[in-house]
Amino acid sequence: MIERTEDLVIKRMALEDLDEVVKIENQSFSDPWKREFFSEEINNDFASPLVAKLDQNVVGYACLWIFFGELQIANIAVEKDFRRKGIGTKILERITDYARDKSCLKITLDVRESNQGAIDLYNKFGFKIVGRRKKYYRFPVEDSLIMEKILL
């Protein structure tokens, strides 16, 4: 856990956050989103991109979409030096609260089948595997597991 989780601020992503977000994206994924994708998320009325900041530095982010009562986590990552310190947990707590505030019935996401750390975190939050997308990911080609959490 980070020593002072109360110092973690989670807020809507802004253009001035993009350099740090793209850095985290590039270190986290073998087929990273481009800067333009994040810029489009910031300007998209149907998207809710969030950043987690510690001492004014971006240490994590999530891009969320809401469609027909379902919140989809399109992208989520934590800066490599801050992983396994509770930041992912705080981001998922915020996402769950946000989904409830927006009257969503469930939260869904795709995760690489080999990403056991992420799968374990999602399981901890009550997500269940509900499907598989064959060859969904590139570099390397890999299936995704579709996970969902039903909100009551």
N, C-alpha and C. Protein backbone atom coordinates (compact mmCIF):
# COMPACT_ATOMS: atom_id res chain seq x y z
N MET A 1 0.84 -1.20 0.00
CA MET A 1 0.00 0.00 0.00
C MET A 1 0.87 1.25 0.00
N ILE A 2 0.38 2.28 -0.66
CA ILE A 2 1.10 3.55 -0.56
C ILE A 2 0.90 4.05 0.86
N GLU A 3 1.86 4.80 1.34
CA GLU A 3 1.83 5.18 2.75
C GLU A 3 0.65 6.07 3.10
N ARG A 4 0.29 6.97 2.20
CA ARG A 4 -0.77 7.91 2.50
C ARG A 4 -1.79 7.90 1.37
N THR A 5 -2.67 6.90 1.37
CA THR A 5 -3.65 6.80 0.28
C THR A 5 -4.58 8.00 0.27
N GLU A 6 -4.72 8.68 1.38
CA GLU A 6 -5.58 9.87 1.39
C GLU A 6 -4.99 10.99 0.53
N ASP A 7 -3.70 10.92 0.21
CA ASP A 7 -3.08 11.92 -0.66
C ASP A 7 -3.31 11.64 -2.14
N LEU A 8 -3.86 10.48 -2.46
CA LEU A 8 -4.14 10.12 -3.84
C LEU A 8 -5.41 10.86 -4.28
N VAL A 9 -5.30 11.59 -5.38
CA VAL A 9 -6.43 12.34 -5.93
C VAL A 9 -6.80 11.70 -7.26
N ILE A 10 -8.08 11.36 -7.41
CA ILE A 10 -8.57 10.80 -8.66
C ILE A 10 -9.55 11.80 -9.25
N LYS A 11 -9.25 12.24 -10.48
CA LYS A 11 -10.08 13.26 -11.11
C LYS A 11 -10.11 13.04 -12.61
N ARG A 12 -10.91 13.83 -13.29
CA ARG A 12 -11.03 13.72 -14.75
C ARG A 12 -9.69 14.07 -15.39
N MET A 13 -9.31 13.28 -16.38
CA MET A 13 -8.08 13.50 -17.14
C MET A 13 -8.18 14.82 -17.89
N ALA A 14 -7.05 15.55 -17.94
CA ALA A 14 -6.97 16.82 -18.67
C ALA A 14 -5.81 16.76 -19.65
N LEU A 15 -5.81 17.66 -20.61
CA LEU A 15 -4.76 17.66 -21.63
C LEU A 15 -3.36 17.73 -21.01
N GLU A 16 -3.21 18.47 -19.92
CA GLU A 16 -1.89 18.59 -19.30
C GLU A 16 -1.42 17.28 -18.65
N ASP A 17 -2.28 16.29 -18.53
CA ASP A 17 -1.91 14.99 -17.97
C ASP A 17 -1.37 14.03 -19.03
N LEU A 18 -1.52 14.36 -20.30
CA LEU A 18 -1.26 13.40 -21.37
C LEU A 18 0.17 12.89 -21.44
N ASP A 19 1.16 13.74 -21.20
CA ASP A 19 2.54 13.26 -21.27
C ASP A 19 2.77 12.11 -20.30
N GLU A 20 2.29 12.27 -19.08
CA GLU A 20 2.47 11.23 -18.06
C GLU A 20 1.60 10.00 -18.36
N VAL A 21 0.39 10.22 -18.84
CA VAL A 21 -0.50 9.11 -19.17
C VAL A 21 0.12 8.26 -20.28
N VAL A 22 0.60 8.93 -21.33
CA VAL A 22 1.20 8.20 -22.46
C VAL A 22 2.45 7.45 -22.01
N LYS A 23 3.22 8.02 -21.11
CA LYS A 23 4.40 7.33 -20.59
C LYS A 23 4.00 6.03 -19.88
N ILE A 24 2.98 6.11 -19.04
CA ILE A 24 2.50 4.92 -18.32
C ILE A 24 1.94 3.91 -19.32
N GLU A 25 1.18 4.38 -20.29
CA GLU A 25 0.61 3.50 -21.32
C GLU A 25 1.71 2.73 -22.05
N ASN A 26 2.75 3.44 -22.45
CA ASN A 26 3.83 2.81 -23.21
C ASN A 26 4.62 1.80 -22.38
N GLN A 27 4.75 2.02 -21.09
CA GLN A 27 5.48 1.07 -20.25
C GLN A 27 4.59 -0.11 -19.83
N SER A 28 3.28 0.03 -20.02
CA SER A 28 2.34 -0.98 -19.53
C SER A 28 1.86 -1.96 -20.58
N PHE A 29 1.84 -1.54 -21.84
CA PHE A 29 1.20 -2.36 -22.87
C PHE A 29 2.09 -2.54 -24.09
N SER A 30 2.03 -3.74 -24.67
CA SER A 30 2.82 -4.04 -25.86
C SER A 30 2.21 -3.44 -27.12
N ASP A 31 0.94 -3.05 -27.07
CA ASP A 31 0.26 -2.40 -28.19
C ASP A 31 -0.46 -1.16 -27.63
N PRO A 32 0.31 -0.15 -27.24
CA PRO A 32 -0.26 0.98 -26.50
C PRO A 32 -1.15 1.88 -27.35
N TRP A 33 -2.10 2.53 -26.66
CA TRP A 33 -2.90 3.58 -27.29
C TRP A 33 -1.97 4.73 -27.63
N LYS A 34 -2.31 5.44 -28.67
CA LYS A 34 -1.56 6.64 -29.07
C LYS A 34 -2.09 7.85 -28.31
N ARG A 35 -1.28 8.87 -28.23
CA ARG A 35 -1.64 10.10 -27.54
C ARG A 35 -2.99 10.63 -28.03
N GLU A 36 -3.22 10.54 -29.35
CA GLU A 36 -4.46 11.05 -29.94
C GLU A 36 -5.69 10.35 -29.37
N PHE A 37 -5.56 9.06 -29.05
CA PHE A 37 -6.69 8.32 -28.48
C PHE A 37 -7.09 8.94 -27.15
N PHE A 38 -6.09 9.23 -26.32
CA PHE A 38 -6.39 9.82 -25.01
C PHE A 38 -6.97 11.22 -25.17
N SER A 39 -6.44 11.98 -26.10
CA SER A 39 -6.97 13.31 -26.37
C SER A 39 -8.44 13.24 -26.79
N GLU A 40 -8.76 12.26 -27.64
CA GLU A 40 -10.15 12.07 -28.05
C GLU A 40 -11.03 11.68 -26.86
N GLU A 41 -10.50 10.87 -25.96
CA GLU A 41 -11.26 10.48 -24.77
C GLU A 41 -11.62 11.71 -23.93
N ILE A 42 -10.67 12.61 -23.79
CA ILE A 42 -10.90 13.82 -23.00
C ILE A 42 -12.04 14.65 -23.59
N ASN A 43 -12.14 14.66 -24.91
CA ASN A 43 -13.13 15.48 -25.60
C ASN A 43 -14.41 14.74 -25.96
N ASN A 44 -14.53 13.48 -25.57
CA ASN A 44 -15.68 12.66 -25.92
C ASN A 44 -16.71 12.72 -24.79
N ASP A 45 -17.94 13.14 -25.11
CA ASP A 45 -18.98 13.26 -24.09
C ASP A 45 -19.40 11.91 -23.49
N PHE A 46 -19.13 10.82 -24.20
CA PHE A 46 -19.53 9.50 -23.71
C PHE A 46 -18.41 8.80 -22.94
N ALA A 47 -17.26 9.44 -22.87
CA ALA A 47 -16.12 8.86 -22.18
C ALA A 47 -15.87 9.59 -20.87
N SER A 48 -15.28 8.86 -19.94
CA SER A 48 -14.91 9.44 -18.65
C SER A 48 -13.49 9.01 -18.33
N PRO A 49 -12.50 9.71 -18.87
CA PRO A 49 -11.11 9.36 -18.55
C PRO A 49 -10.71 9.96 -17.20
N LEU A 50 -10.08 9.13 -16.38
CA LEU A 50 -9.67 9.54 -15.04
C LEU A 50 -8.17 9.40 -14.88
N VAL A 51 -7.60 10.23 -14.02
CA VAL A 51 -6.20 10.06 -13.63
C VAL A 51 -6.14 9.99 -12.11
N ALA A 52 -5.18 9.21 -11.63
CA ALA A 52 -4.87 9.15 -10.20
C ALA A 52 -3.55 9.89 -10.02
N LYS A 53 -3.57 10.89 -9.15
CA LYS A 53 -2.37 11.72 -8.94
C LYS A 53 -1.91 11.62 -7.50
N LEU A 54 -0.61 11.56 -7.36
CA LEU A 54 0.04 11.57 -6.06
C LEU A 54 1.11 12.65 -6.13
N ASP A 55 1.01 13.63 -5.26
CA ASP A 55 1.93 14.78 -5.30
C ASP A 55 1.98 15.41 -6.68
N GLN A 56 0.82 15.62 -7.28
CA GLN A 56 0.66 16.25 -8.59
C GLN A 56 1.19 15.43 -9.77
N ASN A 57 1.66 14.21 -9.52
CA ASN A 57 2.16 13.35 -10.59
C ASN A 57 1.14 12.27 -10.89
N VAL A 58 0.92 12.01 -12.17
CA VAL A 58 0.01 10.95 -12.57
C VAL A 58 0.67 9.61 -12.28
N VAL A 59 -0.01 8.77 -11.49
CA VAL A 59 0.51 7.45 -11.16
C VAL A 59 -0.41 6.33 -11.67
N GLY A 60 -1.53 6.72 -12.26
CA GLY A 60 -2.45 5.75 -12.83
C GLY A 60 -3.56 6.45 -13.57
N TYR A 61 -4.31 5.68 -14.35
CA TYR A 61 -5.41 6.25 -15.10
C TYR A 61 -6.39 5.15 -15.48
N ALA A 62 -7.56 5.59 -15.91
CA ALA A 62 -8.57 4.68 -16.45
C ALA A 62 -9.41 5.44 -17.46
N CYS A 63 -9.78 4.77 -18.53
CA CYS A 63 -10.70 5.33 -19.51
C CYS A 63 -11.98 4.50 -19.46
N LEU A 64 -13.09 5.18 -19.25
CA LEU A 64 -14.37 4.53 -19.02
C LEU A 64 -15.39 4.97 -20.07
N TRP A 65 -16.23 4.04 -20.47
CA TRP A 65 -17.33 4.34 -21.39
C TRP A 65 -18.61 3.83 -20.78
N ILE A 66 -19.69 4.57 -20.93
CA ILE A 66 -20.99 4.13 -20.45
C ILE A 66 -21.94 4.00 -21.64
N PHE A 67 -22.50 2.79 -21.78
CA PHE A 67 -23.48 2.50 -22.82
C PHE A 67 -24.62 1.69 -22.22
N PHE A 68 -25.84 2.19 -22.36
CA PHE A 68 -27.03 1.43 -22.01
C PHE A 68 -26.95 0.77 -20.63
N GLY A 69 -26.55 1.55 -19.63
CA GLY A 69 -26.52 1.04 -18.26
C GLY A 69 -25.33 0.18 -17.91
N GLU A 70 -24.33 0.16 -18.80
CA GLU A 70 -23.12 -0.63 -18.55
C GLU A 70 -21.90 0.29 -18.62
N LEU A 71 -21.06 0.21 -17.62
CA LEU A 71 -19.80 0.93 -17.65
C LEU A 71 -18.72 -0.04 -18.13
N GLN A 72 -18.01 0.35 -19.17
CA GLN A 72 -16.92 -0.48 -19.67
C GLN A 72 -15.60 0.20 -19.35
N ILE A 73 -14.70 -0.56 -18.74
CA ILE A 73 -13.34 -0.08 -18.52
C ILE A 73 -12.57 -0.37 -19.81
N ALA A 74 -12.31 0.68 -20.57
CA ALA A 74 -11.64 0.52 -21.86
C ALA A 74 -10.14 0.42 -21.71
N ASN A 75 -9.61 1.07 -20.68
CA ASN A 75 -8.16 1.11 -20.49
C ASN A 75 -7.89 1.48 -19.04
N ILE A 76 -6.93 0.81 -18.44
CA ILE A 76 -6.57 1.10 -17.05
C ILE A 76 -5.12 0.67 -16.83
N ALA A 77 -4.37 1.50 -16.13
CA ALA A 77 -2.97 1.15 -15.85
C ALA A 77 -2.46 1.96 -14.67
N VAL A 78 -1.43 1.42 -14.03
CA VAL A 78 -0.73 2.09 -12.93
C VAL A 78 0.75 2.15 -13.29
N GLU A 79 1.38 3.25 -13.00
CA GLU A 79 2.81 3.45 -13.27
C GLU A 79 3.60 2.33 -12.61
N LYS A 80 4.60 1.79 -13.31
CA LYS A 80 5.27 0.57 -12.87
C LYS A 80 5.86 0.67 -11.46
N ASP A 81 6.40 1.81 -11.07
CA ASP A 81 6.99 1.96 -9.74
C ASP A 81 5.95 2.06 -8.63
N PHE A 82 4.67 2.18 -9.00
CA PHE A 82 3.61 2.32 -8.01
C PHE A 82 2.66 1.13 -7.99
N ARG A 83 2.98 0.09 -8.72
CA ARG A 83 2.12 -1.10 -8.74
C ARG A 83 2.24 -1.85 -7.42
N ARG A 84 1.16 -2.52 -7.07
CA ARG A 84 1.07 -3.31 -5.84
C ARG A 84 1.23 -2.45 -4.58
N LYS A 85 0.74 -1.21 -4.70
CA LYS A 85 0.78 -0.30 -3.56
C LYS A 85 -0.61 0.23 -3.21
N GLY A 86 -1.64 -0.35 -3.81
CA GLY A 86 -3.01 0.04 -3.50
C GLY A 86 -3.63 1.04 -4.44
N ILE A 87 -2.88 1.51 -5.43
CA ILE A 87 -3.42 2.51 -6.34
C ILE A 87 -4.48 1.91 -7.26
N GLY A 88 -4.23 0.74 -7.81
CA GLY A 88 -5.23 0.06 -8.64
C GLY A 88 -6.52 -0.17 -7.86
N THR A 89 -6.38 -0.54 -6.61
CA THR A 89 -7.55 -0.73 -5.75
C THR A 89 -8.34 0.57 -5.62
N LYS A 90 -7.65 1.67 -5.37
CA LYS A 90 -8.32 2.97 -5.22
C LYS A 90 -9.01 3.38 -6.52
N ILE A 91 -8.36 3.14 -7.66
CA ILE A 91 -8.98 3.47 -8.94
C ILE A 91 -10.24 2.64 -9.14
N LEU A 92 -10.17 1.34 -8.86
CA LEU A 92 -11.35 0.48 -9.03
C LEU A 92 -12.47 0.85 -8.05
N GLU A 93 -12.12 1.27 -6.85
CA GLU A 93 -13.14 1.75 -5.91
C GLU A 93 -13.86 2.96 -6.49
N ARG A 94 -13.08 3.88 -7.05
CA ARG A 94 -13.66 5.09 -7.64
C ARG A 94 -14.54 4.74 -8.84
N ILE A 95 -14.07 3.81 -9.68
CA ILE A 95 -14.85 3.39 -10.84
C ILE A 95 -16.18 2.78 -10.39
N THR A 96 -16.14 1.94 -9.37
CA THR A 96 -17.37 1.31 -8.87
C THR A 96 -18.34 2.35 -8.35
N ASP A 97 -17.84 3.31 -7.57
CA ASP A 97 -18.70 4.39 -7.07
C ASP A 97 -19.29 5.20 -8.22
N TYR A 98 -18.45 5.51 -9.22
CA TYR A 98 -18.89 6.28 -10.37
C TYR A 98 -19.98 5.53 -11.14
N ALA A 99 -19.80 4.22 -11.34
CA ALA A 99 -20.79 3.41 -12.04
C ALA A 99 -22.13 3.44 -11.29
N ARG A 100 -22.08 3.32 -9.98
CA ARG A 100 -23.31 3.37 -9.19
C ARG A 100 -23.97 4.75 -9.29
N ASP A 101 -23.15 5.81 -9.22
CA ASP A 101 -23.68 7.17 -9.35
C ASP A 101 -24.38 7.38 -10.69
N LYS A 102 -23.92 6.70 -11.72
CA LYS A 102 -24.49 6.81 -13.06
C LYS A 102 -25.57 5.76 -13.31
N SER A 103 -25.98 5.07 -12.26
CA SER A 103 -27.04 4.05 -12.32
C SER A 103 -26.72 2.90 -13.28
N CYS A 104 -25.46 2.57 -13.38
CA CYS A 104 -25.06 1.43 -14.20
C CYS A 104 -25.42 0.12 -13.49
N LEU A 105 -25.76 -0.88 -14.27
CA LEU A 105 -26.12 -2.18 -13.73
C LEU A 105 -24.93 -3.10 -13.61
N LYS A 106 -23.90 -2.83 -14.43
CA LYS A 106 -22.71 -3.68 -14.38
C LYS A 106 -21.50 -2.93 -14.92
N ILE A 107 -20.33 -3.49 -14.62
CA ILE A 107 -19.04 -3.00 -15.12
C ILE A 107 -18.42 -4.15 -15.89
N THR A 108 -17.90 -3.87 -17.07
CA THR A 108 -17.24 -4.90 -17.87
C THR A 108 -15.85 -4.45 -18.28
N LEU A 109 -15.02 -5.42 -18.64
CA LEU A 109 -13.67 -5.12 -19.12
C LEU A 109 -13.13 -6.34 -19.84
N ASP A 110 -12.09 -6.11 -20.64
CA ASP A 110 -11.31 -7.18 -21.26
C ASP A 110 -9.94 -7.17 -20.62
N VAL A 111 -9.37 -8.35 -20.42
CA VAL A 111 -8.03 -8.47 -19.85
C VAL A 111 -7.30 -9.60 -20.56
N ARG A 112 -6.00 -9.40 -20.80
CA ARG A 112 -5.21 -10.49 -21.38
C ARG A 112 -5.30 -11.72 -20.49
N GLU A 113 -5.47 -12.88 -21.09
CA GLU A 113 -5.59 -14.09 -20.28
C GLU A 113 -4.33 -14.37 -19.47
N SER A 114 -3.18 -13.83 -19.89
CA SER A 114 -1.93 -14.06 -19.16
C SER A 114 -1.68 -13.03 -18.05
N ASN A 115 -2.52 -12.02 -17.93
CA ASN A 115 -2.30 -10.95 -16.95
C ASN A 115 -2.90 -11.34 -15.60
N GLN A 116 -2.25 -12.29 -14.94
CA GLN A 116 -2.79 -12.85 -13.71
C GLN A 116 -2.90 -11.81 -12.59
N GLY A 117 -1.96 -10.87 -12.53
CA GLY A 117 -2.04 -9.84 -11.50
C GLY A 117 -3.32 -9.02 -11.61
N ALA A 118 -3.66 -8.62 -12.84
CA ALA A 118 -4.89 -7.86 -13.05
C ALA A 118 -6.11 -8.72 -12.78
N ILE A 119 -6.09 -9.95 -13.24
CA ILE A 119 -7.22 -10.86 -13.03
C ILE A 119 -7.46 -11.05 -11.53
N ASP A 120 -6.39 -11.21 -10.76
CA ASP A 120 -6.53 -11.36 -9.31
C ASP A 120 -7.17 -10.12 -8.68
N LEU A 121 -6.74 -8.93 -9.13
CA LEU A 121 -7.32 -7.68 -8.61
C LEU A 121 -8.79 -7.60 -8.96
N TYR A 122 -9.15 -7.90 -10.20
CA TYR A 122 -10.55 -7.84 -10.61
C TYR A 122 -11.38 -8.87 -9.83
N ASN A 123 -10.84 -10.06 -9.61
CA ASN A 123 -11.55 -11.06 -8.81
C ASN A 123 -11.81 -10.54 -7.40
N LYS A 124 -10.83 -9.87 -6.84
CA LYS A 124 -10.97 -9.29 -5.50
C LYS A 124 -12.14 -8.30 -5.44
N PHE A 125 -12.41 -7.65 -6.56
CA PHE A 125 -13.50 -6.69 -6.64
C PHE A 125 -14.83 -7.32 -7.05
N GLY A 126 -14.86 -8.63 -7.17
CA GLY A 126 -16.11 -9.30 -7.50
C GLY A 126 -16.37 -9.47 -8.98
N PHE A 127 -15.38 -9.23 -9.82
CA PHE A 127 -15.54 -9.48 -11.25
C PHE A 127 -15.47 -10.99 -11.50
N LYS A 128 -16.25 -11.44 -12.46
CA LYS A 128 -16.27 -12.85 -12.85
C LYS A 128 -15.99 -12.95 -14.34
N ILE A 129 -15.33 -14.01 -14.75
CA ILE A 129 -15.08 -14.26 -16.17
C ILE A 129 -16.39 -14.74 -16.79
N VAL A 130 -16.82 -14.03 -17.86
CA VAL A 130 -18.09 -14.37 -18.50
C VAL A 130 -17.92 -14.73 -19.98
N GLY A 131 -16.70 -14.61 -20.49
CA GLY A 131 -16.49 -14.94 -21.89
C GLY A 131 -15.04 -14.79 -22.29
N ARG A 132 -14.79 -15.03 -23.55
CA ARG A 132 -13.44 -14.99 -24.10
C ARG A 132 -13.54 -14.44 -25.52
N ARG A 133 -12.59 -13.58 -25.89
CA ARG A 133 -12.47 -13.11 -27.27
C ARG A 133 -11.18 -13.70 -27.83
N LYS A 134 -11.31 -14.56 -28.81
CA LYS A 134 -10.16 -15.22 -29.42
C LYS A 134 -9.29 -14.20 -30.17
N LYS A 135 -7.99 -14.27 -29.92
CA LYS A 135 -7.00 -13.45 -30.63
C LYS A 135 -7.34 -11.95 -30.59
N TYR A 136 -7.84 -11.49 -29.47
CA TYR A 136 -8.26 -10.10 -29.30
C TYR A 136 -7.08 -9.14 -29.26
N TYR A 137 -6.02 -9.55 -28.59
CA TYR A 137 -4.84 -8.70 -28.43
C TYR A 137 -3.79 -9.01 -29.50
N ARG A 138 -2.98 -7.99 -29.79
CA ARG A 138 -1.87 -8.13 -30.72
C ARG A 138 -0.57 -7.93 -29.94
N PHE A 139 0.51 -8.35 -30.50
CA PHE A 139 1.86 -8.09 -29.97
C PHE A 139 2.02 -8.49 -28.51
N PRO A 140 1.96 -9.68 -28.10
CA PRO A 140 1.69 -10.88 -28.88
C PRO A 140 0.19 -11.13 -29.02
N VAL A 141 -0.16 -11.93 -30.00
CA VAL A 141 -1.56 -12.31 -30.18
C VAL A 141 -1.97 -13.16 -28.98
N GLU A 142 -3.10 -12.80 -28.41
CA GLU A 142 -3.56 -13.49 -27.21
C GLU A 142 -5.06 -13.27 -27.04
N ASP A 143 -5.72 -14.24 -26.43
CA ASP A 143 -7.14 -14.10 -26.13
C ASP A 143 -7.34 -13.09 -25.01
N SER A 144 -8.53 -12.49 -25.00
CA SER A 144 -8.92 -11.69 -23.85
C SER A 144 -9.97 -12.46 -23.06
N LEU A 145 -9.98 -12.24 -21.78
CA LEU A 145 -11.06 -12.73 -20.93
C LEU A 145 -11.99 -11.55 -20.72
N ILE A 146 -13.28 -11.78 -20.93
CA ILE A 146 -14.29 -10.75 -20.66
C ILE A 146 -14.71 -10.97 -19.21
N MET A 147 -14.60 -9.90 -18.44
CA MET A 147 -14.98 -9.98 -17.03
C MET A 147 -16.06 -8.96 -16.75
N GLU A 148 -16.94 -9.30 -15.83
CA GLU A 148 -17.99 -8.35 -15.46
C GLU A 148 -18.25 -8.41 -13.96
N LYS A 149 -18.74 -7.29 -13.48
CA LYS A 149 -19.15 -7.17 -12.09
C LYS A 149 -20.58 -6.63 -12.12
N ILE A 150 -21.49 -7.37 -11.53
CA ILE A 150 -22.87 -6.94 -11.44
C ILE A 150 -23.01 -6.02 -10.23
N LEU A 151 -23.63 -4.87 -10.43
CA LEU A 151 -23.83 -3.91 -9.34
C LEU A 151 -25.24 -4.06 -8.80
N LEU A 152 -25.36 -4.15 -7.51
CA LEU A 152 -26.69 -4.30 -6.89
C LEU A 152 -27.16 -3.01 -6.28
